[in-house]
Amino acid sequence: MDATGDEPLVLQSPAQFKALGHPVRHRMVNVLRQRPATLRQLSTAMGLAKGTVGYHVRVLQEAGLVRLAETRQVRGGTEQYFGLVGRGFRLHEDAAIGPEFLINAALSEMLPDQGDTTHTVLRHLWLTPDEARALTGRVRAHATEPYSTEPYSADGTPHGEAYGLLVSLFRADIPHLSPDDA
């Protein structure tokens, strides 16, 4: 089956952000990260009507995020497989909406509270600019470690559950207190 391109697609147009901003299309892109799929396969996986899936695939196509990856002749008809245009997405450095978009995307993916809060942490660190750059480098190195991005092992058995990773080192709006005189 036709594979996606090796390079990530650089997101920069309003149409791309609008297309990915809809929760159904965002989920659909995550499903298509596994492999190209037909409308029927997407409909089954997502629990949606085939017409609804077709509409959202068309919006993703028009935004340049999804393409027709392959066609197959089956019982006198043509089966179309849709896939992502690239291996992933990267935000253009001038995309002002980028950080907000990523945070909203992560929030839309999070499952409702299941009683386990050990995976989510918010910490505030007091760092110099050099320390912040060094920490960013270490976090990026960890985020690109070769963890499995495939839902199935080579033998076809399921490979764990899907987890999202959102890492953001940002300057927080926390003012400095003057030293305590006491």
C-alpha atoms as a PDB file:
ATOM      1  CA  MET A   1       0.000   0.000   0.000  1.00  0.00           C
ATOM      2  CA  ASP A   2       1.212   3.494  -0.812  1.00  0.00           C
ATOM      3  CA  ALA A   3       3.104   4.861   2.209  1.00  0.00           C
ATOM      4  CA  THR A   4       2.994   8.414   3.473  1.00  0.00           C
ATOM      5  CA  GLY A   5       5.867  10.766   2.790  1.00  0.00           C
ATOM      6  CA  ASP A   6       8.805  10.663   5.186  1.00  0.00           C
ATOM      7  CA  GLU A   7       8.783  14.397   5.850  1.00  0.00           C
ATOM      8  CA  PRO A   8       6.220  15.956   8.175  1.00  0.00           C
ATOM      9  CA  LEU A   9       3.763  18.363   6.588  1.00  0.00           C
ATOM     10  CA  VAL A  10       4.309  21.933   7.773  1.00  0.00           C
ATOM     11  CA  LEU A  11       1.007  23.353   9.000  1.00  0.00           C
ATOM     12  CA  GLN A  12       0.558  27.012   8.217  1.00  0.00           C
ATOM     13  CA  SER A  13      -2.665  27.752   6.330  1.00  0.00           C
ATOM     14  CA  PRO A  14      -5.896  28.715   8.092  1.00  0.00           C
ATOM     15  CA  ALA A  15      -7.677  25.937   6.154  1.00  0.00           C
ATOM     16  CA  GLN A  16      -5.324  23.337   7.650  1.00  0.00           C
ATOM     17  CA  PHE A  17      -5.841  24.560  11.202  1.00  0.00           C
ATOM     18  CA  LYS A  18      -9.606  24.796  10.672  1.00  0.00           C
ATOM     19  CA  ALA A  19      -9.711  21.251   9.286  1.00  0.00           C
ATOM     20  CA  LEU A  20      -7.700  19.834  12.178  1.00  0.00           C
ATOM     21  CA  GLY A  21      -9.591  21.904  14.730  1.00  0.00           C
ATOM     22  CA  HIS A  22     -12.742  19.789  14.426  1.00  0.00           C
ATOM     23  CA  PRO A  23     -12.695  16.901  16.942  1.00  0.00           C
ATOM     24  CA  VAL A  24     -13.938  14.294  14.422  1.00  0.00           C
ATOM     25  CA  ARG A  25     -11.277  15.228  11.875  1.00  0.00           C
ATOM     26  CA  HIS A  26      -8.606  15.337  14.564  1.00  0.00           C
ATOM     27  CA  ARG A  27      -9.543  11.785  15.627  1.00  0.00           C
ATOM     28  CA  MET A  28      -9.658  10.718  11.983  1.00  0.00           C
ATOM     29  CA  VAL A  29      -6.104  11.950  11.406  1.00  0.00           C
ATOM     30  CA  ASN A  30      -4.980   9.950  14.440  1.00  0.00           C
ATOM     31  CA  VAL A  31      -6.658   6.837  13.025  1.00  0.00           C
ATOM     32  CA  LEU A  32      -4.991   7.415   9.633  1.00  0.00           C
ATOM     33  CA  ARG A  33      -1.575   7.632  11.337  1.00  0.00           C
ATOM     34  CA  GLN A  34      -1.834   3.835  11.601  1.00  0.00           C
ATOM     35  CA  ARG A  35      -2.298   3.218   7.855  1.00  0.00           C
ATOM     36  CA  PRO A  36      -4.434   4.296   4.880  1.00  0.00           C
ATOM     37  CA  ALA A  37      -8.059   3.219   5.173  1.00  0.00           C
ATOM     38  CA  THR A  38     -11.313   3.150   3.226  1.00  0.00           C
ATOM     39  CA  LEU A  39     -14.382   5.162   4.215  1.00  0.00           C
ATOM     40  CA  ARG A  40     -15.983   1.934   5.448  1.00  0.00           C
ATOM     41  CA  GLN A  41     -12.940   1.090   7.597  1.00  0.00           C
ATOM     42  CA  LEU A  42     -12.873   4.611   9.049  1.00  0.00           C
ATOM     43  CA  SER A  43     -16.616   4.489   9.652  1.00  0.00           C
ATOM     44  CA  THR A  44     -16.313   1.210  11.547  1.00  0.00           C
ATOM     45  CA  ALA A  45     -13.272   2.295  13.570  1.00  0.00           C
ATOM     46  CA  MET A  46     -14.796   5.618  14.575  1.00  0.00           C
ATOM     47  CA  GLY A  47     -18.399   4.459  15.021  1.00  0.00           C
ATOM     48  CA  LEU A  48     -19.736   7.065  12.584  1.00  0.00           C
ATOM     49  CA  ALA A  49     -21.959   6.940   9.517  1.00  0.00           C
ATOM     50  CA  LYS A  50     -20.117   6.460   6.225  1.00  0.00           C
ATOM     51  CA  GLY A  51     -21.569   9.729   4.866  1.00  0.00           C
ATOM     52  CA  THR A  52     -20.268  11.658   7.883  1.00  0.00           C
ATOM     53  CA  VAL A  53     -16.821  10.125   7.453  1.00  0.00           C
ATOM     54  CA  GLY A  54     -16.875  10.932   3.727  1.00  0.00           C
ATOM     55  CA  TYR A  55     -17.643  14.582   4.426  1.00  0.00           C
ATOM     56  CA  HIS A  56     -14.799  14.919   6.936  1.00  0.00           C
ATOM     57  CA  VAL A  57     -12.325  13.118   4.652  1.00  0.00           C
ATOM     58  CA  ARG A  58     -13.249  15.564   1.886  1.00  0.00           C
ATOM     59  CA  VAL A  59     -12.551  18.554   4.192  1.00  0.00           C
ATOM     60  CA  LEU A  60      -9.161  17.049   5.118  1.00  0.00           C
ATOM     61  CA  GLN A  61      -8.401  16.454   1.428  1.00  0.00           C
ATOM     62  CA  GLU A  62      -9.284  20.020   0.468  1.00  0.00           C
ATOM     63  CA  ALA A  63      -6.971  21.300   3.235  1.00  0.00           C
ATOM     64  CA  GLY A  64      -4.129  19.205   1.796  1.00  0.00           C
ATOM     65  CA  LEU A  65      -3.841  16.891   4.814  1.00  0.00           C
ATOM     66  CA  VAL A  66      -5.246  13.652   3.352  1.00  0.00           C
ATOM     67  CA  ARG A  67      -4.829  12.180  -0.108  1.00  0.00           C
ATOM     68  CA  LEU A  68      -6.097   9.253  -2.109  1.00  0.00           C
ATOM     69  CA  ALA A  69      -3.390   6.675  -1.354  1.00  0.00           C
ATOM     70  CA  GLU A  70      -4.596   3.719  -3.427  1.00  0.00           C
ATOM     71  CA  THR A  71      -7.571   2.272  -5.274  1.00  0.00           C
ATOM     72  CA  ARG A  72      -8.517  -1.401  -5.581  1.00  0.00           C
ATOM     73  CA  GLN A  73     -11.072  -3.119  -7.787  1.00  0.00           C
ATOM     74  CA  VAL A  74     -13.497  -5.184  -5.701  1.00  0.00           C
ATOM     75  CA  ARG A  75     -16.633  -6.982  -6.973  1.00  0.00           C
ATOM     76  CA  GLY A  76     -17.140  -4.599  -9.864  1.00  0.00           C
ATOM     77  CA  GLY A  77     -16.508  -1.468  -7.789  1.00  0.00           C
ATOM     78  CA  THR A  78     -13.546   0.629  -6.769  1.00  0.00           C
ATOM     79  CA  GLU A  79     -12.363   0.785  -3.184  1.00  0.00           C
ATOM     80  CA  GLN A  80     -10.513   3.986  -2.279  1.00  0.00           C
ATOM     81  CA  TYR A  81      -7.907   4.128   0.466  1.00  0.00           C
ATOM     82  CA  PHE A  82      -7.203   7.520   2.034  1.00  0.00           C
ATOM     83  CA  GLY A  83      -3.946   8.313   3.806  1.00  0.00           C
ATOM     84  CA  LEU A  84      -2.096  11.228   5.333  1.00  0.00           C
ATOM     85  CA  VAL A  85       0.091  13.289   2.998  1.00  0.00           C
ATOM     86  CA  GLY A  86       3.071  13.101   5.369  1.00  0.00           C
ATOM     87  CA  ARG A  87       4.407  11.027   8.238  1.00  0.00           C
ATOM     88  CA  GLY A  88       3.196  13.677  10.656  1.00  0.00           C
ATOM     89  CA  PHE A  89       2.673  17.378  11.069  1.00  0.00           C
ATOM     90  CA  ARG A  90       4.922  20.198  12.191  1.00  0.00           C
ATOM     91  CA  LEU A  91       3.840  23.725  12.997  1.00  0.00           C
ATOM     92  CA  HIS A  92       5.304  26.494  10.866  1.00  0.00           C
ATOM     93  CA  GLU A  93       7.443  28.770  13.042  1.00  0.00           C
ATOM     94  CA  ASP A  94       5.256  31.759  12.100  1.00  0.00           C
ATOM     95  CA  ALA A  95       2.008  30.006  13.058  1.00  0.00           C
ATOM     96  CA  ALA A  96       0.881  32.230  15.927  1.00  0.00           C
ATOM     97  CA  ILE A  97      -1.913  29.818  16.804  1.00  0.00           C
ATOM     98  CA  GLY A  98       0.531  26.893  17.161  1.00  0.00           C
ATOM     99  CA  PRO A  99       0.890  26.444  20.937  1.00  0.00           C
ATOM    100  CA  GLU A 100      -2.820  27.054  21.594  1.00  0.00           C
ATOM    101  CA  PHE A 101      -3.708  24.644  18.798  1.00  0.00           C
ATOM    102  CA  LEU A 102      -1.492  21.889  20.255  1.00  0.00           C
ATOM    103  CA  ILE A 103      -2.865  22.336  23.761  1.00  0.00           C
ATOM    104  CA  ASN A 104      -6.463  22.213  22.515  1.00  0.00           C
ATOM    105  CA  ALA A 105      -5.649  19.136  20.424  1.00  0.00           C
ATOM    106  CA  ALA A 106      -4.194  17.369  23.459  1.00  0.00           C
ATOM    107  CA  LEU A 107      -7.211  18.306  25.579  1.00  0.00           C
ATOM    108  CA  SER A 108      -9.594  16.931  22.965  1.00  0.00           C
ATOM    109  CA  GLU A 109      -7.733  13.613  22.942  1.00  0.00           C
ATOM    110  CA  MET A 110      -7.660  13.114  26.699  1.00  0.00           C
ATOM    111  CA  LEU A 111     -10.088  10.523  27.947  1.00  0.00           C
ATOM    112  CA  PRO A 112     -12.395  11.513  30.792  1.00  0.00           C
ATOM    113  CA  ASP A 113     -10.896  11.047  34.244  1.00  0.00           C
ATOM    114  CA  GLN A 114     -10.436   7.370  34.951  1.00  0.00           C
ATOM    115  CA  GLY A 115      -9.152   7.833  38.488  1.00  0.00           C
ATOM    116  CA  ASP A 116      -5.470   7.788  37.480  1.00  0.00           C
ATOM    117  CA  THR A 117      -3.836  11.209  37.594  1.00  0.00           C
ATOM    118  CA  THR A 118      -0.243   9.962  37.814  1.00  0.00           C
ATOM    119  CA  HIS A 119       0.450  10.746  34.136  1.00  0.00           C
ATOM    120  CA  THR A 120      -0.337  14.468  34.225  1.00  0.00           C
ATOM    121  CA  VAL A 121       1.898  16.939  36.016  1.00  0.00           C
ATOM    122  CA  LEU A 122       2.142  20.720  36.034  1.00  0.00           C
ATOM    123  CA  ARG A 123       5.338  22.101  37.575  1.00  0.00           C
ATOM    124  CA  HIS A 124       6.766  25.595  37.667  1.00  0.00           C
ATOM    125  CA  LEU A 125      10.537  25.874  37.506  1.00  0.00           C
ATOM    126  CA  TRP A 126      12.706  28.939  38.032  1.00  0.00           C
ATOM    127  CA  LEU A 127      15.322  28.738  35.252  1.00  0.00           C
ATOM    128  CA  THR A 128      17.837  30.995  33.571  1.00  0.00           C
ATOM    129  CA  PRO A 129      17.508  31.266  29.767  1.00  0.00           C
ATOM    130  CA  ASP A 130      20.506  28.907  29.376  1.00  0.00           C
ATOM    131  CA  GLU A 131      18.934  26.362  31.733  1.00  0.00           C
ATOM    132  CA  ALA A 132      15.647  26.593  29.809  1.00  0.00           C
ATOM    133  CA  ARG A 133      17.428  25.930  26.483  1.00  0.00           C
ATOM    134  CA  ALA A 134      19.300  22.969  27.981  1.00  0.00           C
ATOM    135  CA  LEU A 135      16.117  21.491  29.473  1.00  0.00           C
ATOM    136  CA  THR A 136      14.279  21.943  26.171  1.00  0.00           C
ATOM    137  CA  GLY A 137      17.057  20.001  24.412  1.00  0.00           C
ATOM    138  CA  ARG A 138      16.863  17.128  26.912  1.00  0.00           C
ATOM    139  CA  VAL A 139      13.054  16.952  26.722  1.00  0.00           C
ATOM    140  CA  ARG A 140      13.109  16.949  22.909  1.00  0.00           C
ATOM    141  CA  ALA A 141      15.633  14.111  22.970  1.00  0.00           C
ATOM    142  CA  HIS A 142      13.324  12.075  25.223  1.00  0.00           C
ATOM    143  CA  ALA A 143      10.268  12.898  23.093  1.00  0.00           C
ATOM    144  CA  THR A 144      11.979  11.491  19.994  1.00  0.00           C
ATOM    145  CA  GLU A 145      13.173   8.237  21.573  1.00  0.00           C
ATOM    146  CA  PRO A 146      12.221   5.206  19.477  1.00  0.00           C
ATOM    147  CA  TYR A 147       9.012   4.230  21.261  1.00  0.00           C
ATOM    148  CA  SER A 148       6.521   2.290  19.207  1.00  0.00           C
ATOM    149  CA  THR A 149       4.243   4.420  17.047  1.00  0.00           C
ATOM    150  CA  GLU A 150       2.618   1.319  15.554  1.00  0.00           C
ATOM    151  CA  PRO A 151      -0.620  -0.065  17.015  1.00  0.00           C
ATOM    152  CA  TYR A 152       0.281  -3.684  16.149  1.00  0.00           C
ATOM    153  CA  SER A 153       3.389  -5.801  16.636  1.00  0.00           C
ATOM    154  CA  ALA A 154       5.009  -7.571  13.677  1.00  0.00           C
ATOM    155  CA  ASP A 155       2.953 -10.703  14.425  1.00  0.00           C
ATOM    156  CA  GLY A 156      -0.329  -8.737  14.227  1.00  0.00           C
ATOM    157  CA  THR A 157      -1.076  -8.619  17.960  1.00  0.00           C
ATOM    158  CA  PRO A 158      -2.133  -5.307  19.535  1.00  0.00           C
ATOM    159  CA  HIS A 159       0.774  -3.271  20.909  1.00  0.00           C
ATOM    160  CA  GLY A 160      -0.437  -1.531  24.063  1.00  0.00           C
ATOM    161  CA  GLU A 161      -2.747   1.468  24.368  1.00  0.00           C
ATOM    162  CA  ALA A 162      -2.393   4.869  22.694  1.00  0.00           C
ATOM    163  CA  TYR A 163      -0.921   7.650  24.857  1.00  0.00           C
ATOM    164  CA  GLY A 164      -0.393  11.248  23.820  1.00  0.00           C
ATOM    165  CA  LEU A 165       2.699  13.238  24.723  1.00  0.00           C
ATOM    166  CA  LEU A 166       2.450  17.018  24.954  1.00  0.00           C
ATOM    167  CA  VAL A 167       5.542  18.749  26.236  1.00  0.00           C
ATOM    168  CA  SER A 168       5.700  22.495  26.533  1.00  0.00           C
ATOM    169  CA  LEU A 169       8.272  24.597  28.336  1.00  0.00           C
ATOM    170  CA  PHE A 170       6.792  28.071  28.521  1.00  0.00           C
ATOM    171  CA  ARG A 171       7.435  31.292  30.393  1.00  0.00           C
ATOM    172  CA  ALA A 172       4.747  31.426  33.061  1.00  0.00           C
ATOM    173  CA  ASP A 173       3.056  34.602  34.230  1.00  0.00           C
ATOM    174  CA  ILE A 174       4.236  34.367  37.839  1.00  0.00           C
ATOM    175  CA  PRO A 175       5.701  37.590  39.223  1.00  0.00           C
ATOM    176  CA  HIS A 176       8.703  37.644  41.551  1.00  0.00           C
ATOM    177  CA  LEU A 177       8.114  38.460  45.200  1.00  0.00           C
ATOM    178  CA  SER A 178      10.703  40.696  46.754  1.00  0.00           C
ATOM    179  CA  PRO A 179      12.865  38.965  49.368  1.00  0.00           C
ATOM    180  CA  ASP A 180      11.243  38.611  52.771  1.00  0.00           C
ATOM    181  CA  ASP A 181      12.740  41.086  55.261  1.00  0.00           C
ATOM    182  CA  ALA A 182      11.872  38.896  58.229  1.00  0.00           C
END
